[in-house]
């Protein structure tokens, strides 16, 4: 797979990941159109999809890292350290 093909698949993944439709199906359709899928070795295509989706997961975690950190810190602070009641907790720790 060339860099250009990987970029095209990344763009398809990025556009379709957050739509209520299957990004995996779109990647597979795009892969078939581009001639990237080898019918004799389907595990190769499965690995490609897994890596592309892993990249999506990492990008989401990086993008929301500050929010995730704040939610975790407030949860532990309000529930385990200060033992606040439900109504006294911050919205992030509920």
N, C-alpha and C. Protein backbone atom coordinates (compact mmCIF):
# COMPACT_ATOMS: atom_id res chain seq x y z
N UNK A 1 0.84 -1.17 0.00
CA UNK A 1 0.00 0.00 0.00
C UNK A 1 0.89 1.24 0.00
N UNK A 2 0.57 2.16 -0.87
CA UNK A 2 1.36 3.39 -0.96
C UNK A 2 0.88 4.41 0.07
N UNK A 3 1.66 5.44 0.23
CA UNK A 3 1.30 6.52 1.15
C UNK A 3 0.00 7.19 0.70
N UNK A 4 -0.13 7.40 -0.60
CA UNK A 4 -1.34 8.04 -1.13
C UNK A 4 -2.58 7.18 -0.83
N UNK A 5 -2.46 5.89 -1.00
CA UNK A 5 -3.59 4.99 -0.70
C UNK A 5 -3.93 5.04 0.79
N UNK A 6 -2.91 5.08 1.63
CA UNK A 6 -3.15 5.17 3.07
C UNK A 6 -3.82 6.49 3.44
N UNK A 7 -3.41 7.56 2.78
CA UNK A 7 -4.03 8.87 3.04
C UNK A 7 -5.49 8.85 2.62
N UNK A 8 -5.77 8.27 1.48
CA UNK A 8 -7.17 8.18 1.02
C UNK A 8 -8.01 7.38 2.01
N UNK A 9 -7.49 6.25 2.46
CA UNK A 9 -8.23 5.45 3.45
C UNK A 9 -8.40 6.22 4.76
N UNK A 10 -7.39 6.97 5.16
CA UNK A 10 -7.49 7.78 6.37
C UNK A 10 -8.56 8.85 6.25
N UNK A 11 -8.65 9.45 5.08
CA UNK A 11 -9.69 10.46 4.85
C UNK A 11 -11.08 9.82 4.91
N UNK A 12 -11.23 8.67 4.27
CA UNK A 12 -12.52 7.97 4.31
C UNK A 12 -12.87 7.62 5.76
N UNK A 13 -11.90 7.13 6.51
CA UNK A 13 -12.14 6.79 7.92
C UNK A 13 -12.53 8.03 8.71
N UNK A 14 -11.83 9.11 8.51
CA UNK A 14 -12.11 10.34 9.24
C UNK A 14 -13.49 10.90 8.95
N UNK A 15 -13.90 10.82 7.70
CA UNK A 15 -15.21 11.35 7.32
C UNK A 15 -16.34 10.47 7.84
N UNK A 16 -16.16 9.16 7.78
CA UNK A 16 -17.27 8.26 8.09
C UNK A 16 -17.30 7.75 9.53
N UNK A 17 -16.25 7.96 10.30
CA UNK A 17 -16.20 7.39 11.66
C UNK A 17 -17.32 7.92 12.55
N UNK A 18 -17.63 9.18 12.45
CA UNK A 18 -18.60 9.76 13.38
C UNK A 18 -19.99 9.90 12.79
N UNK A 19 -20.19 9.34 11.62
CA UNK A 19 -21.53 9.29 11.05
C UNK A 19 -22.19 8.00 11.52
N UNK A 20 -23.50 7.99 11.59
CA UNK A 20 -24.17 6.77 12.07
C UNK A 20 -24.25 5.68 11.00
N UNK A 21 -23.13 5.49 10.33
CA UNK A 21 -23.00 4.44 9.32
C UNK A 21 -21.66 3.76 9.54
N UNK A 22 -21.46 2.62 8.96
CA UNK A 22 -20.26 1.84 9.22
C UNK A 22 -19.04 2.39 8.48
N UNK A 23 -18.07 2.85 9.25
CA UNK A 23 -16.82 3.30 8.61
C UNK A 23 -16.05 2.10 8.07
N UNK A 24 -16.19 0.95 8.70
CA UNK A 24 -15.51 -0.25 8.22
C UNK A 24 -16.02 -0.65 6.84
N UNK A 25 -17.31 -0.55 6.65
CA UNK A 25 -17.88 -0.87 5.33
C UNK A 25 -17.37 0.11 4.28
N UNK A 26 -17.29 1.37 4.64
CA UNK A 26 -16.79 2.35 3.68
C UNK A 26 -15.32 2.11 3.35
N UNK A 27 -14.54 1.73 4.36
CA UNK A 27 -13.14 1.40 4.10
C UNK A 27 -13.04 0.18 3.17
N UNK A 28 -13.88 -0.80 3.41
CA UNK A 28 -13.85 -2.01 2.58
C UNK A 28 -14.27 -1.71 1.15
N UNK A 29 -15.31 -0.91 0.99
CA UNK A 29 -15.74 -0.53 -0.36
C UNK A 29 -14.63 0.26 -1.06
N UNK A 30 -14.04 1.21 -0.34
CA UNK A 30 -12.95 1.99 -0.92
C UNK A 30 -11.77 1.09 -1.27
N UNK A 31 -11.45 0.16 -0.38
CA UNK A 31 -10.35 -0.77 -0.64
C UNK A 31 -10.61 -1.63 -1.87
N UNK A 32 -11.85 -2.06 -2.04
CA UNK A 32 -12.18 -2.87 -3.23
C UNK A 32 -12.08 -2.03 -4.49
N UNK A 33 -12.57 -0.80 -4.43
CA UNK A 33 -12.49 0.08 -5.60
C UNK A 33 -11.04 0.35 -5.97
N UNK A 34 -10.19 0.52 -4.96
CA UNK A 34 -8.78 0.82 -5.21
C UNK A 34 -7.96 -0.44 -5.49
N UNK A 35 -8.57 -1.61 -5.37
CA UNK A 35 -7.86 -2.86 -5.64
C UNK A 35 -6.87 -3.24 -4.55
N UNK A 36 -7.14 -2.87 -3.32
CA UNK A 36 -6.22 -3.14 -2.22
C UNK A 36 -6.50 -4.45 -1.50
N UNK A 37 -7.67 -5.02 -1.72
CA UNK A 37 -8.06 -6.21 -0.97
C UNK A 37 -7.68 -7.46 -1.77
N UNK A 38 -6.90 -8.32 -1.13
CA UNK A 38 -6.51 -9.59 -1.72
C UNK A 38 -7.46 -10.66 -1.17
N UNK A 39 -8.28 -11.24 -2.04
CA UNK A 39 -9.27 -12.23 -1.61
C UNK A 39 -8.62 -13.46 -1.00
N UNK A 40 -7.38 -13.74 -1.36
CA UNK A 40 -6.68 -14.91 -0.82
C UNK A 40 -6.10 -14.67 0.56
N UNK A 41 -5.97 -13.39 0.95
CA UNK A 41 -5.40 -13.04 2.25
C UNK A 41 -6.27 -11.97 2.93
N UNK A 42 -7.47 -12.34 3.35
CA UNK A 42 -8.35 -11.35 3.98
C UNK A 42 -7.81 -10.82 5.30
N UNK A 43 -6.93 -11.59 5.94
CA UNK A 43 -6.38 -11.13 7.22
C UNK A 43 -5.52 -9.88 7.05
N UNK A 44 -4.95 -9.69 5.88
CA UNK A 44 -4.17 -8.48 5.63
C UNK A 44 -5.07 -7.25 5.66
N UNK A 45 -6.24 -7.36 5.04
CA UNK A 45 -7.17 -6.23 5.03
C UNK A 45 -7.72 -5.98 6.43
N UNK A 46 -7.97 -7.05 7.17
CA UNK A 46 -8.43 -6.90 8.55
C UNK A 46 -7.40 -6.15 9.38
N UNK A 47 -6.14 -6.45 9.17
CA UNK A 47 -5.07 -5.76 9.89
C UNK A 47 -5.01 -4.28 9.50
N UNK A 48 -5.19 -3.99 8.23
CA UNK A 48 -5.19 -2.59 7.77
C UNK A 48 -6.32 -1.82 8.45
N UNK A 49 -7.50 -2.39 8.46
CA UNK A 49 -8.64 -1.73 9.09
C UNK A 49 -8.39 -1.53 10.59
N UNK A 50 -7.83 -2.55 11.23
CA UNK A 50 -7.55 -2.44 12.67
C UNK A 50 -6.57 -1.31 12.96
N UNK A 51 -5.54 -1.18 12.16
CA UNK A 51 -4.55 -0.12 12.38
C UNK A 51 -5.17 1.25 12.13
N UNK A 52 -5.97 1.37 11.08
CA UNK A 52 -6.62 2.65 10.79
C UNK A 52 -7.55 3.04 11.94
N UNK A 53 -8.31 2.08 12.46
CA UNK A 53 -9.23 2.39 13.55
C UNK A 53 -8.48 2.63 14.86
N UNK A 54 -7.35 2.00 15.04
CA UNK A 54 -6.51 2.29 16.21
C UNK A 54 -6.01 3.73 16.15
N UNK A 55 -5.66 4.17 14.96
CA UNK A 55 -5.26 5.57 14.78
C UNK A 55 -6.38 6.53 15.14
N UNK A 56 -7.61 6.16 14.80
CA UNK A 56 -8.76 6.98 15.17
C UNK A 56 -8.91 7.05 16.68
N UNK A 57 -8.77 5.90 17.34
CA UNK A 57 -8.88 5.86 18.80
C UNK A 57 -7.82 6.74 19.46
N UNK A 58 -6.59 6.63 18.99
CA UNK A 58 -5.51 7.42 19.57
C UNK A 58 -5.77 8.91 19.36
N UNK A 59 -6.23 9.28 18.18
CA UNK A 59 -6.48 10.71 17.93
C UNK A 59 -7.60 11.24 18.83
N UNK A 60 -8.62 10.44 19.08
CA UNK A 60 -9.70 10.86 19.98
C UNK A 60 -9.19 11.00 21.41
N UNK A 61 -8.39 10.04 21.85
CA UNK A 61 -7.85 10.12 23.21
C UNK A 61 -6.94 11.34 23.38
N UNK A 62 -6.15 11.64 22.37
CA UNK A 62 -5.28 12.82 22.43
C UNK A 62 -6.13 14.09 22.45
N UNK A 63 -7.12 14.15 21.59
CA UNK A 63 -7.97 15.34 21.49
C UNK A 63 -8.71 15.61 22.80
N UNK A 64 -9.21 14.55 23.42
CA UNK A 64 -10.00 14.71 24.65
C UNK A 64 -9.19 14.43 25.92
N UNK A 65 -7.89 14.39 25.83
CA UNK A 65 -7.05 14.03 26.99
C UNK A 65 -7.31 14.95 28.18
N UNK A 66 -7.39 16.23 27.96
CA UNK A 66 -7.61 17.18 29.06
C UNK A 66 -8.97 16.93 29.72
N UNK A 67 -10.00 16.72 28.91
CA UNK A 67 -11.33 16.46 29.45
C UNK A 67 -11.36 15.14 30.24
N UNK A 68 -10.75 14.11 29.68
CA UNK A 68 -10.71 12.81 30.36
C UNK A 68 -9.97 12.94 31.69
N UNK A 69 -8.85 13.64 31.67
CA UNK A 69 -8.07 13.86 32.89
C UNK A 69 -8.92 14.56 33.95
N UNK A 70 -9.60 15.64 33.56
CA UNK A 70 -10.42 16.39 34.52
C UNK A 70 -11.56 15.55 35.08
N UNK A 71 -12.19 14.76 34.25
CA UNK A 71 -13.28 13.90 34.72
C UNK A 71 -12.77 12.89 35.74
N UNK A 72 -11.65 12.26 35.44
CA UNK A 72 -11.09 11.26 36.35
C UNK A 72 -10.68 11.90 37.68
N UNK A 73 -9.99 13.03 37.62
CA UNK A 73 -9.54 13.71 38.84
C UNK A 73 -10.73 14.14 39.69
N UNK A 74 -11.74 14.74 39.07
CA UNK A 74 -12.91 15.18 39.84
C UNK A 74 -13.68 14.01 40.40
N UNK A 75 -13.75 12.92 39.67
CA UNK A 75 -14.44 11.74 40.18
C UNK A 75 -13.77 11.24 41.46
N UNK A 76 -12.46 11.07 41.41
CA UNK A 76 -11.75 10.58 42.59
C UNK A 76 -11.82 11.58 43.74
N UNK A 77 -11.68 12.86 43.42
CA UNK A 77 -11.73 13.88 44.47
C UNK A 77 -13.10 13.89 45.15
N UNK A 78 -14.16 13.95 44.36
CA UNK A 78 -15.50 14.08 44.94
C UNK A 78 -16.01 12.79 45.57
N UNK A 79 -15.65 11.65 45.02
CA UNK A 79 -16.21 10.39 45.51
C UNK A 79 -15.33 9.65 46.52
N UNK A 80 -14.04 9.75 46.37
CA UNK A 80 -13.17 8.97 47.24
C UNK A 80 -12.44 9.80 48.29
N UNK A 81 -12.11 11.02 47.96
CA UNK A 81 -11.34 11.84 48.90
C UNK A 81 -12.28 12.68 49.78
N UNK A 82 -13.13 13.47 49.15
CA UNK A 82 -14.01 14.36 49.90
C UNK A 82 -15.35 13.72 50.26
N UNK A 83 -15.69 12.62 49.62
CA UNK A 83 -16.94 11.89 49.88
C UNK A 83 -18.16 12.80 49.86
N UNK A 84 -18.28 13.58 48.81
CA UNK A 84 -19.42 14.48 48.66
C UNK A 84 -20.67 13.68 48.30
N UNK A 85 -21.80 14.20 48.69
CA UNK A 85 -23.07 13.61 48.28
C UNK A 85 -23.30 13.87 46.80
N UNK A 86 -24.24 13.17 46.24
CA UNK A 86 -24.48 13.26 44.80
C UNK A 86 -24.75 14.70 44.35
N UNK A 87 -25.58 15.41 45.07
CA UNK A 87 -25.95 16.77 44.66
C UNK A 87 -24.82 17.77 44.85
N UNK A 88 -23.85 17.46 45.68
CA UNK A 88 -22.73 18.37 45.91
C UNK A 88 -21.57 18.11 44.94
N UNK A 89 -21.63 17.02 44.22
CA UNK A 89 -20.55 16.68 43.30
C UNK A 89 -20.59 17.57 42.07
N UNK A 90 -19.42 17.77 41.48
CA UNK A 90 -19.37 18.48 40.21
C UNK A 90 -19.98 17.60 39.13
N UNK A 91 -20.36 18.21 38.04
CA UNK A 91 -20.98 17.44 36.95
C UNK A 91 -20.04 16.38 36.39
N UNK A 92 -18.75 16.66 36.40
CA UNK A 92 -17.79 15.70 35.87
C UNK A 92 -17.64 14.45 36.72
N UNK A 93 -17.98 14.54 37.99
CA UNK A 93 -17.74 13.39 38.86
C UNK A 93 -18.98 12.54 39.11
N UNK A 94 -20.09 12.92 38.56
CA UNK A 94 -21.32 12.15 38.76
C UNK A 94 -21.35 10.93 37.89
